[in-house]
PDB file of N, CA and C in Angstrom:
ATOM      1  N   MET A   1      67.042 -24.529  16.302  1.00  0.00           N
ATOM      2  CA  MET A   1      65.959 -24.987  15.449  1.00  0.00           C
ATOM      3  C   MET A   1      65.482 -23.577  14.667  1.00  0.00           C
ATOM      4  N   LYS A   2      64.966 -23.720  13.624  1.00  0.00           N
ATOM      5  CA  LYS A   2      64.482 -22.830  12.987  1.00  0.00           C
ATOM      6  C   LYS A   2      63.214 -23.177  11.620  1.00  0.00           C
ATOM      7  N   ILE A   3      62.974 -22.206  11.295  1.00  0.00           N
ATOM      8  CA  ILE A   3      61.949 -22.440  10.267  1.00  0.00           C
ATOM      9  C   ILE A   3      62.170 -23.253   9.120  1.00  0.00           C
ATOM     10  N   LYS A   4      61.450 -24.225   8.293  1.00  0.00           N
ATOM     11  CA  LYS A   4      62.062 -24.968   7.662  1.00  0.00           C
ATOM     12  C   LYS A   4      62.012 -24.254   6.495  1.00  0.00           C
ATOM     13  N   ASP A   5      62.936 -24.612   5.424  1.00  0.00           N
ATOM     14  CA  ASP A   5      63.044 -23.830   4.021  1.00  0.00           C
ATOM     15  C   ASP A   5      61.449 -23.960   3.481  1.00  0.00           C
ATOM     16  N   GLY A   6      61.477 -23.008   2.443  1.00  0.00           N
ATOM     17  CA  GLY A   6      60.409 -23.262   1.615  1.00  0.00           C
ATOM     18  C   GLY A   6      58.840 -22.558   2.095  1.00  0.00           C
ATOM     19  N   PHE A   7      59.013 -21.515   3.223  1.00  0.00           N
ATOM     20  CA  PHE A   7      57.993 -20.852   3.726  1.00  0.00           C
ATOM     21  C   PHE A   7      58.507 -19.535   3.882  1.00  0.00           C
ATOM     22  N   ILE A   8      57.329 -18.582   3.442  1.00  0.00           N
ATOM     23  CA  ILE A   8      57.729 -17.323   3.775  1.00  0.00           C
ATOM     24  C   ILE A   8      56.464 -16.956   4.428  1.00  0.00           C
ATOM     25  N   MET A   9      56.654 -15.546   5.421  1.00  0.00           N
ATOM     26  CA  MET A   9      55.689 -14.830   6.085  1.00  0.00           C
ATOM     27  C   MET A   9      55.585 -13.358   5.191  1.00  0.00           C
ATOM     28  N   ASN A  10      54.322 -13.108   5.187  1.00  0.00           N
ATOM     29  CA  ASN A  10      53.922 -11.772   4.371  1.00  0.00           C
ATOM     30  C   ASN A  10      52.833 -11.146   4.976  1.00  0.00           C
ATOM     31  N   LYS A  11      52.960  -9.652   4.901  1.00  0.00           N
ATOM     32  CA  LYS A  11      51.889  -9.022   5.915  1.00  0.00           C
ATOM     33  C   LYS A  11      50.716  -8.641   4.894  1.00  0.00           C
ATOM     34  N   VAL A  12      49.671  -9.243   4.953  1.00  0.00           N
ATOM     35  CA  VAL A  12      48.495  -8.847   4.170  1.00  0.00           C
ATOM     36  C   VAL A  12      47.471  -7.892   4.568  1.00  0.00           C
ATOM     37  N   GLY A  13      47.380  -6.951   4.435  1.00  0.00           N
ATOM     38  CA  GLY A  13      46.542  -6.000   5.372  1.00  0.00           C
ATOM     39  C   GLY A  13      47.243  -5.773   6.766  1.00  0.00           C
ATOM     40  N   SER A  14      46.226  -6.359   7.551  1.00  0.00           N
ATOM     41  CA  SER A  14      46.991  -5.987   9.063  1.00  0.00           C
ATOM     42  C   SER A  14      47.125  -7.646   9.754  1.00  0.00           C
ATOM     43  N   GLN A  15      46.964  -8.306   8.650  1.00  0.00           N
ATOM     44  CA  GLN A  15      47.219  -9.799   8.956  1.00  0.00           C
ATOM     45  C   GLN A  15      48.758 -10.381   8.241  1.00  0.00           C
ATOM     46  N   HIS A  16      49.656 -11.261   9.391  1.00  0.00           N
ATOM     47  CA  HIS A  16      50.693 -11.660   8.794  1.00  0.00           C
ATOM     48  C   HIS A  16      50.177 -13.279   8.582  1.00  0.00           C
ATOM     49  N   VAL A  17      50.703 -13.696   7.423  1.00  0.00           N
ATOM     50  CA  VAL A  17      50.295 -14.872   7.109  1.00  0.00           C
ATOM     51  C   VAL A  17      51.629 -15.686   6.620  1.00  0.00           C
ATOM     52  N   VAL A  18      51.617 -16.857   6.470  1.00  0.00           N
ATOM     53  CA  VAL A  18      52.694 -17.853   6.204  1.00  0.00           C
ATOM     54  C   VAL A  18      52.393 -18.590   4.973  1.00  0.00           C
ATOM     55  N   VAL A  19      52.990 -18.721   3.948  1.00  0.00           N
ATOM     56  CA  VAL A  19      52.580 -19.543   2.802  1.00  0.00           C
ATOM     57  C   VAL A  19      53.979 -20.335   2.582  1.00  0.00           C
ATOM     58  N   PRO A  20      53.664 -21.636   1.766  1.00  0.00           N
ATOM     59  CA  PRO A  20      54.626 -22.197   1.209  1.00  0.00           C
ATOM     60  C   PRO A  20      54.989 -21.657  -0.102  1.00  0.00           C
ATOM     61  N   VAL A  21      56.476 -21.594  -0.524  1.00  0.00           N
ATOM     62  CA  VAL A  21      56.839 -21.324  -1.775  1.00  0.00           C
ATOM     63  C   VAL A  21      57.465 -22.048  -2.613  1.00  0.00           C
ATOM     64  N   GLY A  22      57.758 -21.686  -4.197  1.00  0.00           N
ATOM     65  CA  GLY A  22      58.662 -22.578  -4.557  1.00  0.00           C
ATOM     66  C   GLY A  22      58.143 -24.403  -4.556  1.00  0.00           C
ATOM     67  N   GLU A  23      59.163 -24.933  -4.527  1.00  0.00           N
ATOM     68  CA  GLU A  23      58.712 -26.323  -4.834  1.00  0.00           C
ATOM     69  C   GLU A  23      57.864 -26.851  -3.667  1.00  0.00           C
ATOM     70  N   THR A  24      58.051 -26.160  -2.418  1.00  0.00           N
ATOM     71  CA  THR A  24      57.301 -26.550  -1.039  1.00  0.00           C
ATOM     72  C   THR A  24      55.697 -26.450  -1.475  1.00  0.00           C
ATOM     73  N   SER A  25      55.692 -25.449  -2.465  1.00  0.00           N
ATOM     74  CA  SER A  25      54.242 -24.994  -2.665  1.00  0.00           C
ATOM     75  C   SER A  25      53.186 -26.019  -3.445  1.00  0.00           C
ATOM     76  N   MET A  26      54.129 -26.890  -4.072  1.00  0.00           N
ATOM     77  CA  MET A  26      53.564 -28.210  -4.702  1.00  0.00           C
ATOM     78  C   MET A  26      52.928 -29.300  -3.865  1.00  0.00           C
ATOM     79  N   LYS A  27      53.964 -29.446  -2.867  1.00  0.00           N
ATOM     80  CA  LYS A  27      53.646 -30.500  -1.817  1.00  0.00           C
ATOM     81  C   LYS A  27      52.649 -29.865  -0.697  1.00  0.00           C
ATOM     82  N   ARG A  28      52.776 -28.672  -0.192  1.00  0.00           N
ATOM     83  CA  ARG A  28      51.946 -28.321   0.715  1.00  0.00           C
ATOM     84  C   ARG A  28      51.136 -27.314   0.409  1.00  0.00           C
ATOM     85  N   HIS A  29      49.900 -27.213   0.959  1.00  0.00           N
ATOM     86  CA  HIS A  29      48.714 -26.193   0.600  1.00  0.00           C
ATOM     87  C   HIS A  29      48.294 -26.019   1.903  1.00  0.00           C
ATOM     88  N   CYS A  30      48.542 -24.629   2.532  1.00  0.00           N
ATOM     89  CA  CYS A  30      48.551 -24.353   3.646  1.00  0.00           C
ATOM     90  C   CYS A  30      48.523 -22.747   3.718  1.00  0.00           C
ATOM     91  N   MET A  31      48.073 -22.168   4.786  1.00  0.00           N
ATOM     92  CA  MET A  31      48.252 -20.550   4.844  1.00  0.00           C
ATOM     93  C   MET A  31      48.195 -20.691   6.694  1.00  0.00           C
ATOM     94  N   VAL A  32      49.036 -20.162   6.865  1.00  0.00           N
ATOM     95  CA  VAL A  32      48.905 -20.046   8.651  1.00  0.00           C
ATOM     96  C   VAL A  32      49.045 -18.392   8.904  1.00  0.00           C
ATOM     97  N   ARG A  33      48.051 -17.967   9.661  1.00  0.00           N
ATOM     98  CA  ARG A  33      47.809 -16.616  10.387  1.00  0.00           C
ATOM     99  C   ARG A  33      48.709 -16.437  11.578  1.00  0.00           C
ATOM    100  N   LEU A  34      49.301 -15.109  11.778  1.00  0.00           N
ATOM    101  CA  LEU A  34      50.212 -15.199  12.917  1.00  0.00           C
ATOM    102  C   LEU A  34      49.582 -13.947  13.563  1.00  0.00           C
ATOM    103  N   ASN A  35      49.585 -13.784  14.633  1.00  0.00           N
ATOM    104  CA  ASN A  35      49.311 -12.512  15.679  1.00  0.00           C
ATOM    105  C   ASN A  35      50.600 -12.035  15.666  1.00  0.00           C
ATOM    106  N   GLY A  36      50.555 -10.584  16.169  1.00  0.00           N
ATOM    107  CA  GLY A  36      51.926  -9.768  16.310  1.00  0.00           C
ATOM    108  C   GLY A  36      52.984 -10.577  17.043  1.00  0.00           C
ATOM    109  N   THR A  37      52.381 -11.225  18.300  1.00  0.00           N
ATOM    110  CA  THR A  37      53.822 -11.953  18.781  1.00  0.00           C
ATOM    111  C   THR A  37      54.061 -13.260  18.065  1.00  0.00           C
ATOM    112  N   GLY A  38      53.237 -14.025  17.315  1.00  0.00           N
ATOM    113  CA  GLY A  38      53.659 -14.995  16.247  1.00  0.00           C
ATOM    114  C   GLY A  38      54.687 -14.728  15.523  1.00  0.00           C
ATOM    115  N   ALA A  39      54.520 -13.453  14.745  1.00  0.00           N
ATOM    116  CA  ALA A  39      54.960 -12.922  13.524  1.00  0.00           C
ATOM    117  C   ALA A  39      56.388 -12.484  14.129  1.00  0.00           C
ATOM    118  N   PHE A  40      56.458 -11.562  14.972  1.00  0.00           N
ATOM    119  CA  PHE A  40      57.785 -11.749  16.013  1.00  0.00           C
ATOM    120  C   PHE A  40      58.726 -12.734  16.380  1.00  0.00           C
ATOM    121  N   LEU A  41      58.048 -13.856  16.709  1.00  0.00           N
ATOM    122  CA  LEU A  41      58.863 -14.853  17.141  1.00  0.00           C
ATOM    123  C   LEU A  41      59.291 -15.662  15.646  1.00  0.00           C
ATOM    124  N   TRP A  42      57.995 -15.877  14.597  1.00  0.00           N
ATOM    125  CA  TRP A  42      58.529 -16.406  13.238  1.00  0.00           C
ATOM    126  C   TRP A  42      59.915 -15.519  12.827  1.00  0.00           C
ATOM    127  N   GLY A  43      59.941 -14.275  12.928  1.00  0.00           N
ATOM    128  CA  GLY A  43      61.104 -13.631  12.547  1.00  0.00           C
ATOM    129  C   GLY A  43      62.340 -14.205  13.410  1.00  0.00           C
ATOM    130  N   GLN A  44      62.208 -14.215  14.396  1.00  0.00           N
ATOM    131  CA  GLN A  44      63.357 -14.854  15.506  1.00  0.00           C
ATOM    132  C   GLN A  44      63.722 -15.999  15.056  1.00  0.00           C
ATOM    133  N   LEU A  45      62.934 -16.813  14.371  1.00  0.00           N
ATOM    134  CA  LEU A  45      63.256 -18.549  14.173  1.00  0.00           C
ATOM    135  C   LEU A  45      64.107 -18.412  12.616  1.00  0.00           C
ATOM    136  N   ALA A  46      64.126 -17.311  11.973  1.00  0.00           N
ATOM    137  CA  ALA A  46      64.759 -17.156  10.570  1.00  0.00           C
ATOM    138  C   ALA A  46      66.114 -17.436  10.808  1.00  0.00           C
ATOM    139  N   ALA A  47      66.615 -17.590  11.931  1.00  0.00           N
ATOM    140  CA  ALA A  47      68.146 -17.677  12.131  1.00  0.00           C
ATOM    141  C   ALA A  47      68.319 -19.010  13.012  1.00  0.00           C
ATOM    142  N   ASP A  48      68.931 -19.956  12.944  1.00  0.00           N
ATOM    143  CA  ASP A  48      69.009 -21.013  14.006  1.00  0.00           C
ATOM    144  C   ASP A  48      68.946 -20.579  15.564  1.00  0.00           C
ATOM    145  N   THR A  49      68.187 -20.976  16.373  1.00  0.00           N
ATOM    146  CA  THR A  49      68.035 -20.349  17.889  1.00  0.00           C
ATOM    147  C   THR A  49      67.596 -21.400  18.742  1.00  0.00           C
ATOM    148  N   VAL A  50      67.460 -21.285  20.097  1.00  0.00           N
ATOM    149  CA  VAL A  50      66.879 -22.093  20.886  1.00  0.00           C
ATOM    150  C   VAL A  50      65.978 -21.863  21.440  1.00  0.00           C
ATOM    151  N   GLU A  51      65.368 -22.369  22.537  1.00  0.00           N
ATOM    152  CA  GLU A  51      63.798 -21.994  22.871  1.00  0.00           C
ATOM    153  C   GLU A  51      64.251 -20.628  24.021  1.00  0.00           C
ATOM    154  N   GLU A  52      65.396 -20.953  24.764  1.00  0.00           N
ATOM    155  CA  GLU A  52      65.598 -19.812  25.817  1.00  0.00           C
ATOM    156  C   GLU A  52      65.764 -18.427  25.049  1.00  0.00           C
ATOM    157  N   GLU A  53      66.530 -18.693  24.096  1.00  0.00           N
ATOM    158  CA  GLU A  53      66.588 -17.339  23.202  1.00  0.00           C
ATOM    159  C   GLU A  53      65.395 -16.752  22.934  1.00  0.00           C
ATOM    160  N   LEU A  54      64.442 -17.569  22.509  1.00  0.00           N
ATOM    161  CA  LEU A  54      63.022 -17.075  21.839  1.00  0.00           C
ATOM    162  C   LEU A  54      62.403 -16.540  23.400  1.00  0.00           C
ATOM    163  N   VAL A  55      62.340 -16.928  24.453  1.00  0.00           N
ATOM    164  CA  VAL A  55      61.943 -16.520  25.489  1.00  0.00           C
ATOM    165  C   VAL A  55      62.611 -15.158  26.000  1.00  0.00           C
ATOM    166  N   GLN A  56      63.851 -15.035  25.881  1.00  0.00           N
ATOM    167  CA  GLN A  56      64.651 -13.567  26.122  1.00  0.00           C
ATOM    168  C   GLN A  56      64.122 -12.629  25.126  1.00  0.00           C
ATOM    169  N   ALA A  57      63.986 -13.081  23.937  1.00  0.00           N
ATOM    170  CA  ALA A  57      63.744 -12.205  22.991  1.00  0.00           C
ATOM    171  C   ALA A  57      62.431 -11.515  23.075  1.00  0.00           C
ATOM    172  N   LEU A  58      61.443 -12.466  23.608  1.00  0.00           N
ATOM    173  CA  LEU A  58      60.223 -11.922  23.964  1.00  0.00           C
ATOM    174  C   LEU A  58      60.100 -11.042  24.837  1.00  0.00           C
ATOM    175  N   LEU A  59      60.689 -11.260  26.250  1.00  0.00           N
ATOM    176  CA  LEU A  59      60.892 -10.576  27.318  1.00  0.00           C
ATOM    177  C   LEU A  59      61.116  -9.077  26.959  1.00  0.00           C
ATOM    178  N   ALA A  60      62.478  -9.141  25.929  1.00  0.00           N
ATOM    179  CA  ALA A  60      62.995  -7.921  25.625  1.00  0.00           C
ATOM    180  C   ALA A  60      62.484  -7.058  24.846  1.00  0.00           C
ATOM    181  N   GLU A  61      61.386  -7.226  24.061  1.00  0.00           N
ATOM    182  CA  GLU A  61      60.508  -7.048  23.285  1.00  0.00           C
ATOM    183  C   GLU A  61      58.958  -6.408  23.685  1.00  0.00           C
ATOM    184  N   TYR A  62      58.317  -7.392  24.842  1.00  0.00           N
ATOM    185  CA  TYR A  62      57.125  -7.134  25.152  1.00  0.00           C
ATOM    186  C   TYR A  62      57.467  -7.065  26.628  1.00  0.00           C
ATOM    187  N   ALA A  63      56.203  -6.292  27.251  1.00  0.00           N
ATOM    188  CA  ALA A  63      56.357  -6.151  28.458  1.00  0.00           C
ATOM    189  C   ALA A  63      55.173  -7.568  29.092  1.00  0.00           C
ATOM    190  N   VAL A  64      55.831  -8.248  29.308  1.00  0.00           N
ATOM    191  CA  VAL A  64      55.593  -9.684  29.967  1.00  0.00           C
ATOM    192  C   VAL A  64      56.348 -10.634  30.824  1.00  0.00           C
ATOM    193  N   ASP A  65      55.720 -10.833  31.871  1.00  0.00           N
ATOM    194  CA  ASP A  65      56.329 -11.922  32.825  1.00  0.00           C
ATOM    195  C   ASP A  65      57.152 -13.059  32.230  1.00  0.00           C
ATOM    196  N   GLU A  66      58.138 -13.598  32.829  1.00  0.00           N
ATOM    197  CA  GLU A  66      59.141 -14.675  32.370  1.00  0.00           C
ATOM    198  C   GLU A  66      57.958 -15.890  31.964  1.00  0.00           C
ATOM    199  N   GLY A  67      57.162 -15.911  33.231  1.00  0.00           N
ATOM    200  CA  GLY A  67      56.119 -17.372  33.081  1.00  0.00           C
ATOM    201  C   GLY A  67      55.751 -17.403  31.901  1.00  0.00           C
ATOM    202  N   THR A  68      54.712 -16.062  31.745  1.00  0.00           N
ATOM    203  CA  THR A  68      53.976 -16.307  30.298  1.00  0.00           C
ATOM    204  C   THR A  68      54.876 -16.006  29.000  1.00  0.00           C
ATOM    205  N   ALA A  69      55.974 -15.500  29.172  1.00  0.00           N
ATOM    206  CA  ALA A  69      56.881 -15.896  28.141  1.00  0.00           C
ATOM    207  C   ALA A  69      57.244 -17.219  27.461  1.00  0.00           C
ATOM    208  N   ARG A  70      57.397 -17.724  28.692  1.00  0.00           N
ATOM    209  CA  ARG A  70      57.933 -19.269  28.582  1.00  0.00           C
ATOM    210  C   ARG A  70      56.733 -20.132  27.854  1.00  0.00           C
ATOM    211  N   ALA A  71      55.574 -20.059  28.813  1.00  0.00           N
ATOM    212  CA  ALA A  71      54.255 -20.620  28.019  1.00  0.00           C
ATOM    213  C   ALA A  71      54.066 -20.278  26.665  1.00  0.00           C
ATOM    214  N   ASP A  72      54.148 -18.701  26.303  1.00  0.00           N
ATOM    215  CA  ASP A  72      53.764 -18.635  24.937  1.00  0.00           C
ATOM    216  C   ASP A  72      54.614 -19.083  24.116  1.00  0.00           C
ATOM    217  N   VAL A  73      55.883 -19.242  24.307  1.00  0.00           N
ATOM    218  CA  VAL A  73      57.164 -19.696  23.391  1.00  0.00           C
ATOM    219  C   VAL A  73      56.581 -21.239  23.250  1.00  0.00           C
ATOM    220  N   ALA A  74      56.593 -21.900  24.535  1.00  0.00           N
ATOM    221  CA  ALA A  74      56.135 -23.206  24.244  1.00  0.00           C
ATOM    222  C   ALA A  74      54.917 -23.774  23.287  1.00  0.00           C
ATOM    223  N   ALA A  75      53.920 -22.926  23.701  1.00  0.00           N
ATOM    224  CA  ALA A  75      52.805 -23.057  22.598  1.00  0.00           C
ATOM    225  C   ALA A  75      52.780 -22.640  21.244  1.00  0.00           C
ATOM    226  N   PHE A  76      53.825 -21.746  20.932  1.00  0.00           N
ATOM    227  CA  PHE A  76      53.784 -21.453  19.728  1.00  0.00           C
ATOM    228  C   PHE A  76      54.822 -22.438  18.694  1.00  0.00           C
ATOM    229  N   LEU A  77      56.044 -22.771  19.620  1.00  0.00           N
ATOM    230  CA  LEU A  77      56.637 -24.112  19.037  1.00  0.00           C
ATOM    231  C   LEU A  77      55.945 -25.487  19.071  1.00  0.00           C
ATOM    232  N   GLY A  78      54.837 -25.740  19.814  1.00  0.00           N
ATOM    233  CA  GLY A  78      54.474 -26.826  19.549  1.00  0.00           C
ATOM    234  C   GLY A  78      53.250 -26.729  18.370  1.00  0.00           C
ATOM    235  N   LYS A  79      52.760 -25.615  18.070  1.00  0.00           N
ATOM    236  CA  LYS A  79      52.049 -25.405  16.729  1.00  0.00           C
ATOM    237  C   LYS A  79      52.855 -25.686  15.784  1.00  0.00           C
ATOM    238  N   LEU A  80      54.022 -24.694  15.632  1.00  0.00           N
ATOM    239  CA  LEU A  80      54.962 -25.120  14.378  1.00  0.00           C
ATOM    240  C   LEU A  80      55.249 -26.735  14.415  1.00  0.00           C
ATOM    241  N   ARG A  81      55.504 -27.256  15.367  1.00  0.00           N
ATOM    242  CA  ARG A  81      55.551 -29.011  15.305  1.00  0.00           C
ATOM    243  C   ARG A  81      54.510 -29.601  14.840  1.00  0.00           C
ATOM    244  N   ASP A  82      53.398 -29.076  15.393  1.00  0.00           N
ATOM    245  CA  ASP A  82      52.349 -30.061  14.882  1.00  0.00           C
ATOM    246  C   ASP A  82      51.806 -29.687  13.215  1.00  0.00           C
ATOM    247  N   THR A  83      52.670 -28.514  12.825  1.00  0.00           N
ATOM    248  CA  THR A  83      52.105 -28.423  11.315  1.00  0.00           C
ATOM    249  C   THR A  83      53.416 -28.468  10.755  1.00  0.00           C
ATOM    250  N   ASP A  84      54.467 -28.922  11.319  1.00  0.00           N
ATOM    251  CA  ASP A  84      55.640 -29.546  10.533  1.00  0.00           C
ATOM    252  C   ASP A  84      56.476 -28.371   9.627  1.00  0.00           C
ATOM    253  N   LEU A  85      56.407 -27.138  10.679  1.00  0.00           N
ATOM    254  CA  LEU A  85      56.964 -26.074   9.959  1.00  0.00           C
ATOM    255  C   LEU A  85      58.458 -25.803  10.665  1.00  0.00           C
ATOM    256  N   LEU A  86      58.677 -26.451  11.686  1.00  0.00           N
ATOM    257  CA  LEU A  86      60.010 -26.353  12.248  1.00  0.00           C
ATOM    258  C   LEU A  86      61.051 -27.552  12.020  1.00  0.00           C
ATOM    259  N   ASP A  87      62.252 -26.772  11.538  1.00  0.00           N
ATOM    260  CA  ASP A  87      63.211 -27.567  11.232  1.00  0.00           C
ATOM    261  C   ASP A  87      64.341 -27.544  12.862  1.00  0.00           C
ATOM    262  N   GLU A  88      64.403 -28.881  13.474  1.00  0.00           N
ATOM    263  CA  GLU A  88      65.246 -29.072  14.400  1.00  0.00           C
ATOM    264  C   GLU A  88      66.338 -29.616  14.688  1.00  0.00           C
TER     265      GLU A  88
END
């Protein structure tokens, strides 16, 4: 899975925001704010990856236990699916 084409993440001040670009911006009018962990996971989804790789990346980057990492990744992916930003 990876992020659908037509979306980019930018840092605006201290916020990370995802916006549609190009032709996608004509069809989708949205802006998604991400916290630091969300921005990290978004970056991991730039390349085709699987959920387990996201969990392992989160464990390597942050001082978090495995259960929390799995729950956080699942919640993040759920939000991306709900907003149709994920290409599976």
